[in-house]
PDB file of N, CA and C in Angstrom:
ATOM      1  N   UNK A   1     -78.982 -83.002  75.068  1.00  0.00           N
ATOM      2  CA  UNK A   1     -77.825 -82.212  75.252  1.00  0.00           C
ATOM      3  C   UNK A   1     -77.267 -81.650  73.964  1.00  0.00           C
ATOM      4  N   UNK A   2     -77.390 -82.367  72.877  1.00  0.00           N
ATOM      5  CA  UNK A   2     -77.023 -81.867  71.543  1.00  0.00           C
ATOM      6  C   UNK A   2     -77.851 -80.666  71.170  1.00  0.00           C
ATOM      7  N   UNK A   3     -79.075 -80.693  71.490  1.00  0.00           N
ATOM      8  CA  UNK A   3     -79.989 -79.576  71.201  1.00  0.00           C
ATOM      9  C   UNK A   3     -79.539 -78.302  71.884  1.00  0.00           C
ATOM     10  N   UNK A   4     -79.083 -78.437  73.202  1.00  0.00           N
ATOM     11  CA  UNK A   4     -78.669 -77.205  73.934  1.00  0.00           C
ATOM     12  C   UNK A   4     -77.381 -76.735  73.436  1.00  0.00           C
ATOM     13  N   UNK A   5     -76.436 -77.641  72.993  1.00  0.00           N
ATOM     14  CA  UNK A   5     -75.179 -77.192  72.457  1.00  0.00           C
ATOM     15  C   UNK A   5     -75.440 -76.455  71.074  1.00  0.00           C
ATOM     16  N   UNK A   6     -76.327 -76.998  70.257  1.00  0.00           N
ATOM     17  CA  UNK A   6     -76.667 -76.388  69.060  1.00  0.00           C
ATOM     18  C   UNK A   6     -77.269 -74.997  69.283  1.00  0.00           C
ATOM     19  N   UNK A   7     -78.110 -74.854  70.314  1.00  0.00           N
ATOM     20  CA  UNK A   7     -78.695 -73.551  70.620  1.00  0.00           C
ATOM     21  C   UNK A   7     -77.643 -72.478  70.988  1.00  0.00           C
ATOM     22  N   UNK A   8     -76.678 -72.930  71.876  1.00  0.00           N
ATOM     23  CA  UNK A   8     -75.622 -71.978  72.316  1.00  0.00           C
ATOM     24  C   UNK A   8     -74.694 -71.694  71.161  1.00  0.00           C
ATOM     25  N   UNK A   9     -74.417 -72.669  70.245  1.00  0.00           N
ATOM     26  CA  UNK A   9     -73.597 -72.405  69.093  1.00  0.00           C
ATOM     27  C   UNK A   9     -74.316 -71.327  68.159  1.00  0.00           C
ATOM     28  N   UNK A  10     -75.635 -71.427  68.109  1.00  0.00           N
ATOM     29  CA  UNK A  10     -76.423 -70.535  67.299  1.00  0.00           C
ATOM     30  C   UNK A  10     -76.244 -69.068  67.911  1.00  0.00           C
ATOM     31  N   UNK A  11     -76.269 -68.930  69.218  1.00  0.00           N
ATOM     32  CA  UNK A  11     -76.015 -67.637  69.797  1.00  0.00           C
ATOM     33  C   UNK A  11     -74.627 -67.117  69.476  1.00  0.00           C
ATOM     34  N   UNK A  12     -73.601 -67.983  69.518  1.00  0.00           N
ATOM     35  CA  UNK A  12     -72.257 -67.579  69.163  1.00  0.00           C
ATOM     36  C   UNK A  12     -72.250 -67.149  67.684  1.00  0.00           C
ATOM     37  N   UNK A  13     -72.864 -67.889  66.877  1.00  0.00           N
ATOM     38  CA  UNK A  13     -72.881 -67.579  65.437  1.00  0.00           C
ATOM     39  C   UNK A  13     -73.638 -66.211  65.175  1.00  0.00           C
ATOM     40  N   UNK A  14     -74.682 -65.866  65.951  1.00  0.00           N
ATOM     41  CA  UNK A  14     -75.401 -64.699  65.803  1.00  0.00           C
ATOM     42  C   UNK A  14     -74.471 -63.497  66.201  1.00  0.00           C
ATOM     43  N   UNK A  15     -73.667 -63.676  67.239  1.00  0.00           N
ATOM     44  CA  UNK A  15     -72.643 -62.663  67.682  1.00  0.00           C
ATOM     45  C   UNK A  15     -71.664 -62.493  66.566  1.00  0.00           C
ATOM     46  N   UNK A  16     -71.154 -63.574  66.052  1.00  0.00           N
ATOM     47  CA  UNK A  16     -70.108 -63.490  64.963  1.00  0.00           C
ATOM     48  C   UNK A  16     -70.705 -62.742  63.718  1.00  0.00           C
ATOM     49  N   UNK A  17     -71.928 -63.035  63.424  1.00  0.00           N
ATOM     50  CA  UNK A  17     -72.633 -62.440  62.298  1.00  0.00           C
ATOM     51  C   UNK A  17     -72.808 -60.880  62.465  1.00  0.00           C
ATOM     52  N   UNK A  18     -73.081 -60.504  63.690  1.00  0.00           N
ATOM     53  CA  UNK A  18     -73.140 -59.051  64.029  1.00  0.00           C
ATOM     54  C   UNK A  18     -71.744 -58.357  63.882  1.00  0.00           C
ATOM     55  N   UNK A  19     -70.750 -59.077  64.333  1.00  0.00           N
ATOM     56  CA  UNK A  19     -69.369 -58.630  64.177  1.00  0.00           C
ATOM     57  C   UNK A  19     -69.018 -58.500  62.717  1.00  0.00           C
ATOM     58  N   UNK A  20     -69.430 -59.512  61.907  1.00  0.00           N
ATOM     59  CA  UNK A  20     -69.155 -59.491  60.473  1.00  0.00           C
ATOM     60  C   UNK A  20     -69.795 -58.267  59.839  1.00  0.00           C
ATOM     61  N   UNK A  21     -71.047 -57.966  60.184  1.00  0.00           N
ATOM     62  CA  UNK A  21     -71.724 -56.838  59.592  1.00  0.00           C
ATOM     63  C   UNK A  21     -70.971 -55.527  59.952  1.00  0.00           C
ATOM     64  N   UNK A  22     -70.548 -55.355  61.118  1.00  0.00           N
ATOM     65  CA  UNK A  22     -69.822 -54.190  61.546  1.00  0.00           C
ATOM     66  C   UNK A  22     -68.472 -54.065  60.726  1.00  0.00           C
ATOM     67  N   UNK A  23     -67.816 -55.141  60.571  1.00  0.00           N
ATOM     68  CA  UNK A  23     -66.507 -55.189  59.804  1.00  0.00           C
ATOM     69  C   UNK A  23     -66.780 -54.856  58.294  1.00  0.00           C
ATOM     70  N   UNK A  24     -67.862 -55.303  57.698  1.00  0.00           N
ATOM     71  CA  UNK A  24     -68.118 -55.047  56.328  1.00  0.00           C
ATOM     72  C   UNK A  24     -68.549 -53.584  56.193  1.00  0.00           C
ATOM     73  N   UNK A  25     -69.331 -53.026  57.108  1.00  0.00           N
ATOM     74  CA  UNK A  25     -69.677 -51.603  57.032  1.00  0.00           C
ATOM     75  C   UNK A  25     -68.401 -50.751  57.185  1.00  0.00           C
ATOM     76  N   UNK A  26     -67.606 -51.127  58.138  1.00  0.00           N
ATOM     77  CA  UNK A  26     -66.331 -50.320  58.329  1.00  0.00           C
ATOM     78  C   UNK A  26     -65.427 -50.347  57.095  1.00  0.00           C
ATOM     79  N   UNK A  27     -65.311 -51.594  56.539  1.00  0.00           N
ATOM     80  CA  UNK A  27     -64.425 -51.813  55.423  1.00  0.00           C
ATOM     81  C   UNK A  27     -64.962 -51.020  54.179  1.00  0.00           C
ATOM     82  N   UNK A  28     -66.266 -51.099  53.952  1.00  0.00           N
ATOM     83  CA  UNK A  28     -66.840 -50.362  52.771  1.00  0.00           C
ATOM     84  C   UNK A  28     -66.699 -48.852  52.982  1.00  0.00           C
ATOM     85  N   UNK A  29     -66.925 -48.380  54.219  1.00  0.00           N
ATOM     86  CA  UNK A  29     -66.845 -46.945  54.475  1.00  0.00           C
ATOM     87  C   UNK A  29     -65.397 -46.473  54.268  1.00  0.00           C
ATOM     88  N   UNK A  30     -64.499 -47.203  54.806  1.00  0.00           N
ATOM     89  CA  UNK A  30     -63.072 -46.845  54.705  1.00  0.00           C
ATOM     90  C   UNK A  30     -62.608 -46.900  53.219  1.00  0.00           C
ATOM     91  N   UNK A  31     -63.076 -47.863  52.505  1.00  0.00           N
ATOM     92  CA  UNK A  31     -62.657 -47.942  51.107  1.00  0.00           C
ATOM     93  C   UNK A  31     -63.266 -46.884  50.183  1.00  0.00           C
ATOM     94  N   UNK A  32     -64.572 -46.626  50.333  1.00  0.00           N
ATOM     95  CA  UNK A  32     -65.227 -45.678  49.417  1.00  0.00           C
ATOM     96  C   UNK A  32     -65.213 -44.242  49.856  1.00  0.00           C
ATOM     97  N   UNK A  33     -65.105 -43.952  51.055  1.00  0.00           N
ATOM     98  CA  UNK A  33     -65.096 -42.617  51.559  1.00  0.00           C
ATOM     99  C   UNK A  33     -63.670 -42.085  51.787  1.00  0.00           C
ATOM    100  N   UNK A  34     -62.778 -43.012  52.302  1.00  0.00           N
ATOM    101  CA  UNK A  34     -61.440 -42.589  52.653  1.00  0.00           C
ATOM    102  C   UNK A  34     -60.351 -43.215  51.694  1.00  0.00           C
ATOM    103  N   UNK A  35     -60.784 -43.999  50.756  1.00  0.00           N
ATOM    104  CA  UNK A  35     -59.836 -44.657  49.834  1.00  0.00           C
ATOM    105  C   UNK A  35     -58.675 -45.420  50.565  1.00  0.00           C
ATOM    106  N   UNK A  36     -59.051 -46.046  51.643  1.00  0.00           N
ATOM    107  CA  UNK A  36     -58.030 -46.802  52.367  1.00  0.00           C
ATOM    108  C   UNK A  36     -58.702 -48.144  52.795  1.00  0.00           C
ATOM    109  N   UNK A  37     -58.479 -49.178  51.972  1.00  0.00           N
ATOM    110  CA  UNK A  37     -58.982 -50.541  52.298  1.00  0.00           C
ATOM    111  C   UNK A  37     -57.922 -51.415  52.890  1.00  0.00           C
ATOM    112  N   UNK A  38     -58.332 -52.468  53.447  1.00  0.00           N
ATOM    113  CA  UNK A  38     -57.379 -53.458  54.065  1.00  0.00           C
ATOM    114  C   UNK A  38     -57.656 -54.823  53.542  1.00  0.00           C
ATOM    115  N   UNK A  39     -56.671 -55.384  52.913  1.00  0.00           N
ATOM    116  CA  UNK A  39     -56.806 -56.762  52.423  1.00  0.00           C
ATOM    117  C   UNK A  39     -56.951 -57.780  53.628  1.00  0.00           C
ATOM    118  N   UNK A  40     -56.188 -57.523  54.691  1.00  0.00           N
ATOM    119  CA  UNK A  40     -56.341 -58.368  55.896  1.00  0.00           C
ATOM    120  C   UNK A  40     -57.750 -58.309  56.401  1.00  0.00           C
ATOM    121  N   UNK A  41     -58.393 -57.181  56.418  1.00  0.00           N
ATOM    122  CA  UNK A  41     -59.738 -57.106  56.920  1.00  0.00           C
ATOM    123  C   UNK A  41     -60.705 -57.871  55.997  1.00  0.00           C
ATOM    124  N   UNK A  42     -60.519 -57.769  54.710  1.00  0.00           N
ATOM    125  CA  UNK A  42     -61.331 -58.539  53.762  1.00  0.00           C
ATOM    126  C   UNK A  42     -61.138 -60.062  53.930  1.00  0.00           C
ATOM    127  N   UNK A  43     -59.920 -60.486  54.196  1.00  0.00           N
ATOM    128  CA  UNK A  43     -59.635 -61.913  54.462  1.00  0.00           C
ATOM    129  C   UNK A  43     -60.378 -62.342  55.772  1.00  0.00           C
ATOM    130  N   UNK A  44     -60.352 -61.497  56.761  1.00  0.00           N
ATOM    131  CA  UNK A  44     -60.993 -61.770  57.982  1.00  0.00           C
ATOM    132  C   UNK A  44     -62.496 -61.956  57.851  1.00  0.00           C
ATOM    133  N   UNK A  45     -63.033 -61.107  56.964  1.00  0.00           N
ATOM    134  CA  UNK A  45     -64.449 -61.160  56.648  1.00  0.00           C
ATOM    135  C   UNK A  45     -64.830 -62.546  56.019  1.00  0.00           C
ATOM    136  N   UNK A  46     -64.036 -62.966  55.133  1.00  0.00           N
ATOM    137  CA  UNK A  46     -64.241 -64.290  54.498  1.00  0.00           C
ATOM    138  C   UNK A  46     -64.152 -65.414  55.487  1.00  0.00           C
ATOM    139  N   UNK A  47     -63.165 -65.279  56.399  1.00  0.00           N
ATOM    140  CA  UNK A  47     -62.980 -66.389  57.392  1.00  0.00           C
ATOM    141  C   UNK A  47     -64.185 -66.406  58.380  1.00  0.00           C
ATOM    142  N   UNK A  48     -64.640 -65.212  58.763  1.00  0.00           N
ATOM    143  CA  UNK A  48     -65.839 -65.168  59.627  1.00  0.00           C
ATOM    144  C   UNK A  48     -67.070 -65.691  58.944  1.00  0.00           C
ATOM    145  N   UNK A  49     -67.188 -65.378  57.686  1.00  0.00           N
ATOM    146  CA  UNK A  49     -68.265 -65.956  56.900  1.00  0.00           C
ATOM    147  C   UNK A  49     -68.323 -67.464  56.836  1.00  0.00           C
ATOM    148  N   UNK A  50     -67.098 -68.015  56.677  1.00  0.00           N
ATOM    149  CA  UNK A  50     -67.010 -69.503  56.706  1.00  0.00           C
ATOM    150  C   UNK A  50     -67.354 -70.092  57.984  1.00  0.00           C
ATOM    151  N   UNK A  51     -66.918 -69.402  59.121  1.00  0.00           N
ATOM    152  CA  UNK A  51     -67.283 -69.921  60.475  1.00  0.00           C
ATOM    153  C   UNK A  51     -68.792 -69.813  60.660  1.00  0.00           C
ATOM    154  N   UNK A  52     -69.425 -68.808  60.229  1.00  0.00           N
ATOM    155  CA  UNK A  52     -70.829 -68.630  60.371  1.00  0.00           C
ATOM    156  C   UNK A  52     -71.600 -69.732  59.652  1.00  0.00           C
ATOM    157  N   UNK A  53     -71.224 -69.998  58.369  1.00  0.00           N
ATOM    158  CA  UNK A  53     -71.839 -71.048  57.621  1.00  0.00           C
ATOM    159  C   UNK A  53     -71.664 -72.412  58.296  1.00  0.00           C
ATOM    160  N   UNK A  54     -70.479 -72.812  58.661  1.00  0.00           N
ATOM    161  CA  UNK A  54     -70.231 -74.099  59.240  1.00  0.00           C
ATOM    162  C   UNK A  54     -70.905 -74.287  60.608  1.00  0.00           C
ATOM    163  N   UNK A  55     -70.929 -73.170  61.421  1.00  0.00           N
ATOM    164  CA  UNK A  55     -71.582 -73.334  62.702  1.00  0.00           C
ATOM    165  C   UNK A  55     -73.095 -73.292  62.668  1.00  0.00           C
ATOM    166  N   UNK A  56     -73.631 -72.726  61.698  1.00  0.00           N
ATOM    167  CA  UNK A  56     -75.092 -72.564  61.635  1.00  0.00           C
ATOM    168  C   UNK A  56     -75.769 -73.691  60.799  1.00  0.00           C
ATOM    169  N   UNK A  57     -75.059 -74.556  60.195  1.00  0.00           N
ATOM    170  CA  UNK A  57     -75.656 -75.622  59.382  1.00  0.00           C
ATOM    171  C   UNK A  57     -76.500 -76.530  60.320  1.00  0.00           C
ATOM    172  N   UNK A  58     -75.981 -76.944  61.504  1.00  0.00           N
ATOM    173  CA  UNK A  58     -76.727 -77.829  62.364  1.00  0.00           C
ATOM    174  C   UNK A  58     -78.038 -77.166  62.879  1.00  0.00           C
ATOM    175  N   UNK A  59     -77.994 -75.904  63.180  1.00  0.00           N
ATOM    176  CA  UNK A  59     -79.151 -75.160  63.636  1.00  0.00           C
ATOM    177  C   UNK A  59     -80.152 -75.052  62.499  1.00  0.00           C
ATOM    178  N   UNK A  60     -79.777 -74.798  61.303  1.00  0.00           N
ATOM    179  CA  UNK A  60     -80.661 -74.630  60.200  1.00  0.00           C
ATOM    180  C   UNK A  60     -81.326 -75.977  59.888  1.00  0.00           C
ATOM    181  N   UNK A  61     -80.583 -77.064  59.955  1.00  0.00           N
ATOM    182  CA  UNK A  61     -81.124 -78.359  59.657  1.00  0.00           C
ATOM    183  C   UNK A  61     -82.101 -78.729  60.763  1.00  0.00           C
ATOM    184  N   UNK A  62     -81.749 -78.486  62.028  1.00  0.00           N
ATOM    185  CA  UNK A  62     -82.660 -78.873  63.102  1.00  0.00           C
ATOM    186  C   UNK A  62     -84.000 -78.140  63.069  1.00  0.00           C
ATOM    187  N   UNK A  63     -83.996 -76.866  62.687  1.00  0.00           N
ATOM    188  CA  UNK A  63     -85.214 -76.071  62.561  1.00  0.00           C
ATOM    189  C   UNK A  63     -85.836 -76.052  61.186  1.00  0.00           C
ATOM    190  N   UNK A  64     -85.290 -76.853  60.302  1.00  0.00           N
ATOM    191  CA  UNK A  64     -85.779 -76.932  58.931  1.00  0.00           C
ATOM    192  C   UNK A  64     -85.882 -75.568  58.282  1.00  0.00           C
ATOM    193  N   UNK A  65     -84.783 -74.811  58.478  1.00  0.00           N
ATOM    194  CA  UNK A  65     -84.762 -73.320  58.005  1.00  0.00           C
ATOM    195  C   UNK A  65     -83.767 -73.168  56.878  1.00  0.00           C
ATOM    196  N   UNK A  66     -83.276 -74.194  56.306  1.00  0.00           N
ATOM    197  CA  UNK A  66     -82.282 -74.047  55.296  1.00  0.00           C
ATOM    198  C   UNK A  66     -82.927 -73.614  54.040  1.00  0.00           C
ATOM    199  N   UNK A  67     -82.179 -73.125  53.068  1.00  0.00           N
ATOM    200  CA  UNK A  67     -82.680 -72.580  51.886  1.00  0.00           C
ATOM    201  C   UNK A  67     -83.049 -73.598  50.810  1.00  0.00           C
ATOM    202  N   UNK A  68     -84.176 -73.508  50.205  1.00  0.00           N
ATOM    203  CA  UNK A  68     -84.597 -74.333  49.118  1.00  0.00           C
ATOM    204  C   UNK A  68     -85.716 -73.689  48.387  1.00  0.00           C
ATOM    205  N   UNK A  69     -86.183 -74.188  47.284  1.00  0.00           N
ATOM    206  CA  UNK A  69     -87.226 -73.587  46.555  1.00  0.00           C
ATOM    207  C   UNK A  69     -88.559 -74.200  47.011  1.00  0.00           C
ATOM    208  N   UNK A  70     -89.146 -73.458  47.927  1.00  0.00           N
ATOM    209  CA  UNK A  70     -90.342 -74.020  48.601  1.00  0.00           C
ATOM    210  C   UNK A  70     -91.581 -74.061  47.768  1.00  0.00           C
ATOM    211  N   UNK A  71     -91.618 -73.354  46.677  1.00  0.00           N
ATOM    212  CA  UNK A  71     -92.826 -73.481  45.804  1.00  0.00           C
ATOM    213  C   UNK A  71     -92.978 -74.819  45.181  1.00  0.00           C
ATOM    214  N   UNK A  72     -91.841 -75.530  44.981  1.00  0.00           N
ATOM    215  CA  UNK A  72     -91.914 -76.873  44.496  1.00  0.00           C
ATOM    216  C   UNK A  72     -91.888 -77.861  45.653  1.00  0.00           C
ATOM    217  N   UNK A  73     -91.056 -77.598  46.669  1.00  0.00           N
ATOM    218  CA  UNK A  73     -90.807 -78.593  47.770  1.00  0.00           C
ATOM    219  C   UNK A  73     -92.112 -78.818  48.517  1.00  0.00           C
ATOM    220  N   UNK A  74     -92.966 -77.849  48.781  1.00  0.00           N
ATOM    221  CA  UNK A  74     -94.101 -78.002  49.624  1.00  0.00           C
ATOM    222  C   UNK A  74     -95.190 -78.850  48.932  1.00  0.00           C
ATOM    223  N   UNK A  75     -95.126 -79.050  47.631  1.00  0.00           N
ATOM    224  CA  UNK A  75     -96.051 -79.807  46.912  1.00  0.00           C
ATOM    225  C   UNK A  75     -95.660 -81.356  46.772  1.00  0.00           C
ATOM    226  N   UNK A  76     -94.399 -81.620  47.162  1.00  0.00           N
ATOM    227  CA  UNK A  76     -93.970 -82.995  47.095  1.00  0.00           C
ATOM    228  C   UNK A  76     -94.456 -83.785  48.309  1.00  0.00           C
ATOM    229  N   UNK A  77     -94.453 -85.111  48.086  1.00  0.00           N
ATOM    230  CA  UNK A  77     -94.910 -85.991  49.193  1.00  0.00           C
ATOM    231  C   UNK A  77     -93.733 -85.978  50.248  1.00  0.00           C
ATOM    232  N   UNK A  78     -94.090 -86.492  51.486  1.00  0.00           N
ATOM    233  CA  UNK A  78     -93.076 -86.537  52.546  1.00  0.00           C
ATOM    234  C   UNK A  78     -91.872 -87.393  52.129  1.00  0.00           C
ATOM    235  N   UNK A  79     -92.131 -88.486  51.466  1.00  0.00           N
ATOM    236  CA  UNK A  79     -91.105 -89.339  51.042  1.00  0.00           C
ATOM    237  C   UNK A  79     -90.161 -88.596  50.029  1.00  0.00           C
ATOM    238  N   UNK A  80     -90.655 -87.907  49.141  1.00  0.00           N
ATOM    239  CA  UNK A  80     -89.871 -87.172  48.178  1.00  0.00           C
ATOM    240  C   UNK A  80     -89.136 -86.024  48.926  1.00  0.00           C
ATOM    241  N   UNK A  81     -89.753 -85.364  49.902  1.00  0.00           N
ATOM    242  CA  UNK A  81     -89.089 -84.305  50.600  1.00  0.00           C
ATOM    243  C   UNK A  81     -87.871 -84.876  51.364  1.00  0.00           C
ATOM    244  N   UNK A  82     -88.096 -86.046  52.020  1.00  0.00           N
ATOM    245  CA  UNK A  82     -87.034 -86.644  52.744  1.00  0.00           C
ATOM    246  C   UNK A  82     -85.872 -87.033  51.866  1.00  0.00           C
ATOM    247  N   UNK A  83     -86.171 -87.552  50.651  1.00  0.00           N
ATOM    248  CA  UNK A  83     -85.166 -87.921  49.654  1.00  0.00           C
ATOM    249  C   UNK A  83     -84.389 -86.654  49.242  1.00  0.00           C
ATOM    250  N   UNK A  84     -85.101 -85.631  48.968  1.00  0.00           N
ATOM    251  CA  UNK A  84     -84.411 -84.307  48.577  1.00  0.00           C
ATOM    252  C   UNK A  84     -83.444 -83.854  49.678  1.00  0.00           C
ATOM    253  N   UNK A  85     -83.962 -83.950  50.967  1.00  0.00           N
ATOM    254  CA  UNK A  85     -83.189 -83.552  52.053  1.00  0.00           C
ATOM    255  C   UNK A  85     -81.873 -84.365  52.215  1.00  0.00           C
ATOM    256  N   UNK A  86     -81.986 -85.702  52.029  1.00  0.00           N
ATOM    257  CA  UNK A  86     -80.823 -86.575  52.118  1.00  0.00           C
ATOM    258  C   UNK A  86     -79.836 -86.277  51.019  1.00  0.00           C
ATOM    259  N   UNK A  87     -80.356 -86.115  49.779  1.00  0.00           N
ATOM    260  CA  UNK A  87     -79.435 -85.900  48.642  1.00  0.00           C
ATOM    261  C   UNK A  87     -78.735 -84.519  48.822  1.00  0.00           C
ATOM    262  N   UNK A  88     -79.467 -83.502  49.196  1.00  0.00           N
ATOM    263  CA  UNK A  88     -78.828 -82.277  49.393  1.00  0.00           C
ATOM    264  C   UNK A  88     -77.807 -82.223  50.488  1.00  0.00           C
ATOM    265  N   UNK A  89     -78.042 -82.974  51.578  1.00  0.00           N
ATOM    266  CA  UNK A  89     -77.021 -83.043  52.624  1.00  0.00           C
ATOM    267  C   UNK A  89     -75.791 -83.743  52.120  1.00  0.00           C
ATOM    268  N   UNK A  90     -75.894 -84.828  51.462  1.00  0.00           N
ATOM    269  CA  UNK A  90     -74.744 -85.531  50.940  1.00  0.00           C
ATOM    270  C   UNK A  90     -74.015 -84.734  49.882  1.00  0.00           C
ATOM    271  N   UNK A  91     -74.699 -84.098  49.028  1.00  0.00           N
ATOM    272  CA  UNK A  91     -74.042 -83.395  47.926  1.00  0.00           C
ATOM    273  C   UNK A  91     -73.526 -81.982  48.274  1.00  0.00           C
ATOM    274  N   UNK A  92     -74.209 -81.275  49.189  1.00  0.00           N
ATOM    275  CA  UNK A  92     -73.826 -79.900  49.428  1.00  0.00           C
ATOM    276  C   UNK A  92     -73.200 -79.602  50.861  1.00  0.00           C
ATOM    277  N   UNK A  93     -73.657 -80.329  51.880  1.00  0.00           N
ATOM    278  CA  UNK A  93     -73.153 -80.034  53.193  1.00  0.00           C
ATOM    279  C   UNK A  93     -71.939 -80.904  53.539  1.00  0.00           C
ATOM    280  N   UNK A  94     -72.016 -82.181  53.367  1.00  0.00           N
ATOM    281  CA  UNK A  94     -70.880 -82.986  53.715  1.00  0.00           C
ATOM    282  C   UNK A  94     -69.571 -82.624  53.067  1.00  0.00           C
ATOM    283  N   UNK A  95     -69.516 -82.230  51.678  1.00  0.00           N
ATOM    284  CA  UNK A  95     -68.234 -81.803  51.204  1.00  0.00           C
ATOM    285  C   UNK A  95     -67.615 -80.568  51.840  1.00  0.00           C
ATOM    286  N   UNK A  96     -68.504 -79.660  52.350  1.00  0.00           N
ATOM    287  CA  UNK A  96     -67.993 -78.487  53.054  1.00  0.00           C
ATOM    288  C   UNK A  96     -67.290 -78.859  54.341  1.00  0.00           C
ATOM    289  N   UNK A  97     -67.714 -79.931  55.012  1.00  0.00           N
ATOM    290  CA  UNK A  97     -67.233 -80.309  56.287  1.00  0.00           C
ATOM    291  C   UNK A  97     -65.850 -81.093  56.068  1.00  0.00           C
ATOM    292  N   UNK A  98     -65.588 -81.588  54.890  1.00  0.00           N
ATOM    293  CA  UNK A  98     -64.359 -82.274  54.685  1.00  0.00           C
ATOM    294  C   UNK A  98     -63.380 -81.519  53.820  1.00  0.00           C
ATOM    295  N   UNK A  99     -63.556 -80.274  53.631  1.00  0.00           N
ATOM    296  CA  UNK A  99     -62.770 -79.450  52.784  1.00  0.00           C
ATOM    297  C   UNK A  99     -61.405 -79.239  53.407  1.00  0.00           C
TER     298      UNK A  99
END
């Protein structure tokens, strides 16, 4: 059940990401071509970015698609890879959830 919830949340996140791209293009076009930017729109972009990051963490971890330096990681043993994964989750992901 958790896997299907994660999959549907990933679809929602993809939609939000597409919306964010449209907002950024609109904001950049309005600012540079028409000299009329919106601070509220920029704030909305940051909030959507936060939502995308928080909702996509579970999907990235499930599919082992999170960012790391693979040229070093792939040469480590499975035990070392697991240790790196645990340390990175504790140091980088958990603090974001309790912010």
